All heavy atoms as atom14 arrays in JSON, in Angstrom:
{
  "sequence": "ETGSSWSAAAPRFGLAAVLGGAAVILLDRYA",
  "atom14_mask": [
    [1, 1, 1, 1, 1, 1, 1, 1, 1, 0, 0, 0, 0, 0],
    [1, 1, 1, 1, 1, 1, 1, 0, 0, 0, 0, 0, 0, 0],
    [1, 1, 1, 1, 0, 0, 0, 0, 0, 0, 0, 0, 0, 0],
    [1, 1, 1, 1, 1, 1, 0, 0, 0, 0, 0, 0, 0, 0],
    [1, 1, 1, 1, 1, 1, 0, 0, 0, 0, 0, 0, 0, 0],
    [1, 1, 1, 1, 1, 1, 1, 1, 1, 1, 1, 1, 1, 1],
    [1, 1, 1, 1, 1, 1, 0, 0, 0, 0, 0, 0, 0, 0],
    [1, 1, 1, 1, 1, 0, 0, 0, 0, 0, 0, 0, 0, 0],
    [1, 1, 1, 1, 1, 0, 0, 0, 0, 0, 0, 0, 0, 0],
    [1, 1, 1, 1, 1, 0, 0, 0, 0, 0, 0, 0, 0, 0],
    [1, 1, 1, 1, 1, 1, 1, 0, 0, 0, 0, 0, 0, 0],
    [1, 1, 1, 1, 1, 1, 1, 1, 1, 1, 1, 0, 0, 0],
    [1, 1, 1, 1, 1, 1, 1, 1, 1, 1, 1, 0, 0, 0],
    [1, 1, 1, 1, 0, 0, 0, 0, 0, 0, 0, 0, 0, 0],
    [1, 1, 1, 1, 1, 1, 1, 1, 0, 0, 0, 0, 0, 0],
    [1, 1, 1, 1, 1, 0, 0, 0, 0, 0, 0, 0, 0, 0],
    [1, 1, 1, 1, 1, 0, 0, 0, 0, 0, 0, 0, 0, 0],
    [1, 1, 1, 1, 1, 1, 1, 0, 0, 0, 0, 0, 0, 0],
    [1, 1, 1, 1, 1, 1, 1, 1, 0, 0, 0, 0, 0, 0],
    [1, 1, 1, 1, 0, 0, 0, 0, 0, 0, 0, 0, 0, 0],
    [1, 1, 1, 1, 0, 0, 0, 0, 0, 0, 0, 0, 0, 0],
    [1, 1, 1, 1, 1, 0, 0, 0, 0, 0, 0, 0, 0, 0],
    [1, 1, 1, 1, 1, 0, 0, 0, 0, 0, 0, 0, 0, 0],
    [1, 1, 1, 1, 1, 1, 1, 0, 0, 0, 0, 0, 0, 0],
    [1, 1, 1, 1, 1, 1, 1, 1, 0, 0, 0, 0, 0, 0],
    [1, 1, 1, 1, 1, 1, 1, 1, 0, 0, 0, 0, 0, 0],
    [1, 1, 1, 1, 1, 1, 1, 1, 0, 0, 0, 0, 0, 0],
    [1, 1, 1, 1, 1, 1, 1, 1, 0, 0, 0, 0, 0, 0],
    [1, 1, 1, 1, 1, 1, 1, 1, 1, 1, 1, 0, 0, 0],
    [1, 1, 1, 1, 1, 1, 1, 1, 1, 1, 1, 1, 0, 0],
    [1, 1, 1, 1, 1, 0, 0, 0, 0, 0, 0, 0, 0, 0]
  ],
  "atom14_positions": [
    [[-17.6, -39.92, -26.14], [-18.75, -39.2, -26.7], [-18.5, -37.69, -26.73], [-19.01, -37.0, -27.62], [-20.0, -39.5, -25.88], [-20.5, -40.94, -26.02], [-21.67, -41.22, -25.1], [-22.02, -40.34, -24.28], [-22.25, -42.32, -25.2], [0.0, 0.0, 0.0], [0.0, 0.0, 0.0], [0.0, 0.0, 0.0], [0.0, 0.0, 0.0], [0.0, 0.0, 0.0]],
    [[-17.74, -37.19, -25.77], [-17.51, -35.74, -25.68], [-16.2, -35.3, -26.33], [-15.91, -34.11, -26.41], [-17.5, -35.29, -24.2], [-16.47, -36.02, -23.49], [-18.84, -35.56, -23.55], [0.0, 0.0, 0.0], [0.0, 0.0, 0.0], [0.0, 0.0, 0.0], [0.0, 0.0, 0.0], [0.0, 0.0, 0.0], [0.0, 0.0, 0.0], [0.0, 0.0, 0.0]],
    [[-15.4, -36.27, -26.78], [-14.13, -35.93, -27.41], [-13.07, -35.48, -26.44], [-12.09, -34.84, -26.83], [0.0, 0.0, 0.0], [0.0, 0.0, 0.0], [0.0, 0.0, 0.0], [0.0, 0.0, 0.0], [0.0, 0.0, 0.0], [0.0, 0.0, 0.0], [0.0, 0.0, 0.0], [0.0, 0.0, 0.0], [0.0, 0.0, 0.0], [0.0, 0.0, 0.0]],
    [[-13.24, -35.81, -25.16], [-12.26, -35.42, -24.15], [-11.29, -36.57, -23.92], [-11.35, -37.61, -24.59], [-12.98, -35.07, -22.84], [-12.08, -34.55, -21.89], [0.0, 0.0, 0.0], [0.0, 0.0, 0.0], [0.0, 0.0, 0.0], [0.0, 0.0, 0.0], [0.0, 0.0, 0.0], [0.0, 0.0, 0.0], [0.0, 0.0, 0.0], [0.0, 0.0, 0.0]],
    [[-10.36, -36.38, -22.97], [-9.33, -37.4, -22.72], [-9.19, -37.66, -21.23], [-9.6, -36.85, -20.38], [-7.98, -36.95, -23.29], [-7.53, -35.81, -22.58], [0.0, 0.0, 0.0], [0.0, 0.0, 0.0], [0.0, 0.0, 0.0], [0.0, 0.0, 0.0], [0.0, 0.0, 0.0], [0.0, 0.0, 0.0], [0.0, 0.0, 0.0], [0.0, 0.0, 0.0]],
    [[-8.57, -38.79, -20.89], [-8.36, -39.14, -19.5], [-7.43, -38.15, -18.81], [-7.57, -37.89, -17.61], [-7.79, -40.55, -19.4], [-8.84, -41.6, -19.18], [-9.3, -42.51, -20.07], [-9.58, -41.82, -17.97], [-10.28, -43.29, -19.51], [-10.47, -42.89, -18.22], [-9.59, -41.23, -16.71], [-11.34, -43.38, -17.24], [-10.46, -41.7, -15.74], [-11.32, -42.77, -16.01]],
    [[-6.48, -37.6, -19.53], [-5.54, -36.66, -18.91], [-6.27, -35.44, -18.36], [-5.9, -34.89, -17.3], [-4.48, -36.22, -19.92], [-5.08, -35.6, -21.05], [0.0, 0.0, 0.0], [0.0, 0.0, 0.0], [0.0, 0.0, 0.0], [0.0, 0.0, 0.0], [0.0, 0.0, 0.0], [0.0, 0.0, 0.0], [0.0, 0.0, 0.0], [0.0, 0.0, 0.0]],
    [[-7.34, -35.02, -19.05], [-8.11, -33.88, -18.58], [-9.1, -34.28, -17.49], [-9.41, -33.49, -16.59], [-8.86, -33.24, -19.75], [0.0, 0.0, 0.0], [0.0, 0.0, 0.0], [0.0, 0.0, 0.0], [0.0, 0.0, 0.0], [0.0, 0.0, 0.0], [0.0, 0.0, 0.0], [0.0, 0.0, 0.0], [0.0, 0.0, 0.0], [0.0, 0.0, 0.0]],
    [[-9.58, -35.51, -17.56], [-10.62, -35.95, -16.63], [-10.07, -36.54, -15.34], [-10.78, -36.59, -14.33], [-11.51, -37.0, -17.31], [0.0, 0.0, 0.0], [0.0, 0.0, 0.0], [0.0, 0.0, 0.0], [0.0, 0.0, 0.0], [0.0, 0.0, 0.0], [0.0, 0.0, 0.0], [0.0, 0.0, 0.0], [0.0, 0.0, 0.0], [0.0, 0.0, 0.0]],
    [[-8.82, -36.98, -15.35], [-8.25, -37.69, -14.2], [-8.33, -36.92, -12.89], [-8.68, -37.51, -11.86], [-6.8, -38.1, -14.5], [0.0, 0.0, 0.0], [0.0, 0.0, 0.0], [0.0, 0.0, 0.0], [0.0, 0.0, 0.0], [0.0, 0.0, 0.0], [0.0, 0.0, 0.0], [0.0, 0.0, 0.0], [0.0, 0.0, 0.0], [0.0, 0.0, 0.0]],
    [[-8.02, -35.61, -12.85], [-8.11, -34.9, -11.57], [-9.51, -34.92, -10.97], [-9.68, -35.14, -9.77], [-7.67, -33.47, -11.93], [-6.8, -33.65, -13.14], [-7.43, -34.76, -13.9], [0.0, 0.0, 0.0], [0.0, 0.0, 0.0], [0.0, 0.0, 0.0], [0.0, 0.0, 0.0], [0.0, 0.0, 0.0], [0.0, 0.0, 0.0], [0.0, 0.0, 0.0]],
    [[-10.53, -34.68, -11.8], [-11.91, -34.72, -11.3], [-12.28, -36.1, -10.82], [-12.89, -36.27, -9.76], [-12.88, -34.29, -12.41], [-12.92, -32.8, -12.7], [-13.79, -32.53, -13.9], [-13.15, -32.98, -15.14], [-13.81, -33.29, -16.25], [-15.13, -33.22, -16.29], [-13.17, -33.67, -17.34], [0.0, 0.0, 0.0], [0.0, 0.0, 0.0], [0.0, 0.0, 0.0]],
    [[-11.92, -37.1, -11.61], [-12.24, -38.49, -11.26], [-11.55, -38.86, -9.95], [-12.16, -39.44, -9.04], [-11.77, -39.42, -12.39], [-12.13, -40.86, -12.17], [-13.34, -41.36, -12.65], [-11.27, -41.73, -11.51], [-13.68, -42.7, -12.47], [-11.6, -43.06, -11.32], [-12.8, -43.55, -11.79], [0.0, 0.0, 0.0], [0.0, 0.0, 0.0], [0.0, 0.0, 0.0]],
    [[-10.26, -38.51, -9.83], [-9.5, -38.88, -8.65], [-10.0, -38.21, -7.39], [-10.12, -38.85, -6.33], [0.0, 0.0, 0.0], [0.0, 0.0, 0.0], [0.0, 0.0, 0.0], [0.0, 0.0, 0.0], [0.0, 0.0, 0.0], [0.0, 0.0, 0.0], [0.0, 0.0, 0.0], [0.0, 0.0, 0.0], [0.0, 0.0, 0.0], [0.0, 0.0, 0.0]],
    [[-10.3, -36.91, -7.46], [-10.8, -36.19, -6.28], [-12.14, -36.76, -5.83], [-12.36, -36.97, -4.63], [-10.94, -34.7, -6.6], [-11.52, -33.83, -5.47], [-10.64, -33.92, -4.23], [-11.66, -32.38, -5.95], [0.0, 0.0, 0.0], [0.0, 0.0, 0.0], [0.0, 0.0, 0.0], [0.0, 0.0, 0.0], [0.0, 0.0, 0.0], [0.0, 0.0, 0.0]],
    [[-13.02, -37.01, -6.79], [-14.33, -37.58, -6.44], [-14.18, -38.97, -5.83], [-14.91, -39.34, -4.91], [-15.22, -37.63, -7.67], [0.0, 0.0, 0.0], [0.0, 0.0, 0.0], [0.0, 0.0, 0.0], [0.0, 0.0, 0.0], [0.0, 0.0, 0.0], [0.0, 0.0, 0.0], [0.0, 0.0, 0.0], [0.0, 0.0, 0.0], [0.0, 0.0, 0.0]],
    [[-13.22, -39.75, -6.34], [-12.98, -41.09, -5.81], [-12.52, -41.03, -4.36], [-12.94, -41.82, -3.51], [-11.96, -41.82, -6.66], [0.0, 0.0, 0.0], [0.0, 0.0, 0.0], [0.0, 0.0, 0.0], [0.0, 0.0, 0.0], [0.0, 0.0, 0.0], [0.0, 0.0, 0.0], [0.0, 0.0, 0.0], [0.0, 0.0, 0.0], [0.0, 0.0, 0.0]],
    [[-11.66, -40.06, -4.06], [-11.18, -39.89, -2.69], [-12.35, -39.54, -1.77], [-12.47, -40.08, -0.65], [-10.1, -38.79, -2.63], [-9.79, -38.42, -1.18], [-8.84, -39.25, -3.34], [0.0, 0.0, 0.0], [0.0, 0.0, 0.0], [0.0, 0.0, 0.0], [0.0, 0.0, 0.0], [0.0, 0.0, 0.0], [0.0, 0.0, 0.0], [0.0, 0.0, 0.0]],
    [[-13.23, -38.65, -2.22], [-14.38, -38.28, -1.41], [-15.31, -39.48, -1.19], [-15.82, -39.67, -0.08], [-15.15, -37.14, -2.1], [-14.42, -35.79, -2.19], [-15.25, -34.8, -2.98], [-14.13, -35.26, -0.8], [0.0, 0.0, 0.0], [0.0, 0.0, 0.0], [0.0, 0.0, 0.0], [0.0, 0.0, 0.0], [0.0, 0.0, 0.0], [0.0, 0.0, 0.0]],
    [[-15.54, -40.26, -2.23], [-16.37, -41.45, -2.09], [-15.78, -42.45, -1.12], [-16.47, -43.01, -0.27], [0.0, 0.0, 0.0], [0.0, 0.0, 0.0], [0.0, 0.0, 0.0], [0.0, 0.0, 0.0], [0.0, 0.0, 0.0], [0.0, 0.0, 0.0], [0.0, 0.0, 0.0], [0.0, 0.0, 0.0], [0.0, 0.0, 0.0], [0.0, 0.0, 0.0]],
    [[-14.46, -42.67, -1.25], [-13.8, -43.59, -0.34], [-13.85, -43.11, 1.1], [-14.07, -43.89, 2.03], [0.0, 0.0, 0.0], [0.0, 0.0, 0.0], [0.0, 0.0, 0.0], [0.0, 0.0, 0.0], [0.0, 0.0, 0.0], [0.0, 0.0, 0.0], [0.0, 0.0, 0.0], [0.0, 0.0, 0.0], [0.0, 0.0, 0.0], [0.0, 0.0, 0.0]],
    [[-13.66, -41.8, 1.29], [-13.7, -41.24, 2.64], [-15.07, -41.42, 3.27], [-15.19, -41.7, 4.47], [-13.33, -39.76, 2.6], [0.0, 0.0, 0.0], [0.0, 0.0, 0.0], [0.0, 0.0, 0.0], [0.0, 0.0, 0.0], [0.0, 0.0, 0.0], [0.0, 0.0, 0.0], [0.0, 0.0, 0.0], [0.0, 0.0, 0.0], [0.0, 0.0, 0.0]],
    [[-16.13, -41.29, 2.45], [-17.49, -41.45, 2.98], [-17.69, -42.86, 3.53], [-18.28, -43.05, 4.6], [-18.5, -41.16, 1.87], [0.0, 0.0, 0.0], [0.0, 0.0, 0.0], [0.0, 0.0, 0.0], [0.0, 0.0, 0.0], [0.0, 0.0, 0.0], [0.0, 0.0, 0.0], [0.0, 0.0, 0.0], [0.0, 0.0, 0.0], [0.0, 0.0, 0.0]],
    [[-17.19, -43.86, 2.81], [-17.34, -45.25, 3.26], [-16.5, -45.51, 4.51], [-16.94, -46.19, 5.45], [-16.96, -46.23, 2.13], [-16.97, -47.66, 2.64], [-17.92, -46.08, 0.96], [0.0, 0.0, 0.0], [0.0, 0.0, 0.0], [0.0, 0.0, 0.0], [0.0, 0.0, 0.0], [0.0, 0.0, 0.0], [0.0, 0.0, 0.0], [0.0, 0.0, 0.0]],
    [[-15.27, -45.0, 4.53], [-14.4, -45.19, 5.69], [-15.04, -44.58, 6.95], [-15.03, -45.19, 8.03], [-13.02, -44.58, 5.44], [-12.33, -45.27, 4.25], [-12.15, -44.68, 6.69], [-12.1, -46.74, 4.42], [0.0, 0.0, 0.0], [0.0, 0.0, 0.0], [0.0, 0.0, 0.0], [0.0, 0.0, 0.0], [0.0, 0.0, 0.0], [0.0, 0.0, 0.0]],
    [[-15.6, -43.38, 6.81], [-16.25, -42.74, 7.94], [-17.47, -43.55, 8.41], [-17.69, -43.7, 9.62], [-16.69, -41.32, 7.57], [-15.56, -40.3, 7.41], [-16.1, -38.97, 6.91], [-14.82, -40.1, 8.75], [0.0, 0.0, 0.0], [0.0, 0.0, 0.0], [0.0, 0.0, 0.0], [0.0, 0.0, 0.0], [0.0, 0.0, 0.0], [0.0, 0.0, 0.0]],
    [[-18.23, -44.06, 7.45], [-19.38, -44.89, 7.8], [-18.94, -46.13, 8.54], [-19.55, -46.54, 9.54], [-20.16, -45.27, 6.54], [-21.33, -46.23, 6.74], [-22.38, -45.61, 7.63], [-21.93, -46.63, 5.39], [0.0, 0.0, 0.0], [0.0, 0.0, 0.0], [0.0, 0.0, 0.0], [0.0, 0.0, 0.0], [0.0, 0.0, 0.0], [0.0, 0.0, 0.0]],
    [[-17.85, -46.75, 8.07], [-17.35, -47.96, 8.72], [-16.91, -47.67, 10.14], [-17.16, -48.45, 11.06], [-16.19, -48.52, 7.9], [-15.63, -49.8, 8.51], [-16.39, -50.78, 8.63], [-14.44, -49.81, 8.87], [0.0, 0.0, 0.0], [0.0, 0.0, 0.0], [0.0, 0.0, 0.0], [0.0, 0.0, 0.0], [0.0, 0.0, 0.0], [0.0, 0.0, 0.0]],
    [[-16.24, -46.54, 10.35], [-15.79, -46.19, 11.71], [-16.97, -45.9, 12.61], [-17.0, -46.28, 13.78], [-14.86, -44.97, 11.65], [-13.52, -45.3, 11.04], [-12.59, -44.09, 11.07], [-11.27, -44.43, 10.51], [-10.29, -43.57, 10.37], [-10.45, -42.3, 10.76], [-9.14, -43.95, 9.84], [0.0, 0.0, 0.0], [0.0, 0.0, 0.0], [0.0, 0.0, 0.0]],
    [[-17.99, -45.23, 12.06], [-19.19, -44.95, 12.84], [-19.91, -46.24, 13.19], [-20.38, -46.43, 14.3], [-20.11, -44.03, 12.05], [-21.45, -43.79, 12.71], [-21.55, -43.04, 13.87], [-22.62, -44.32, 12.14], [-22.77, -42.82, 14.48], [-23.83, -44.11, 12.74], [-23.92, -43.36, 13.9], [-25.13, -43.15, 14.49], [0.0, 0.0, 0.0], [0.0, 0.0, 0.0]],
    [[-19.96, -47.14, 12.21], [-20.63, -48.42, 12.44], [-19.95, -49.22, 13.52], [-20.59, -49.95, 14.28], [-20.68, -49.23, 11.14], [0.0, 0.0, 0.0], [0.0, 0.0, 0.0], [0.0, 0.0, 0.0], [0.0, 0.0, 0.0], [0.0, 0.0, 0.0], [0.0, 0.0, 0.0], [0.0, 0.0, 0.0], [0.0, 0.0, 0.0], [0.0, 0.0, 0.0]]
  ]
}
């Protein structure tokens, strides 16, 4: 829809994915 590409979006997507994964891992360790 925005005319962008995965090559430009991949760094943002990947960093956010790492943060999301870390949040769950920390929750699991706390649990």
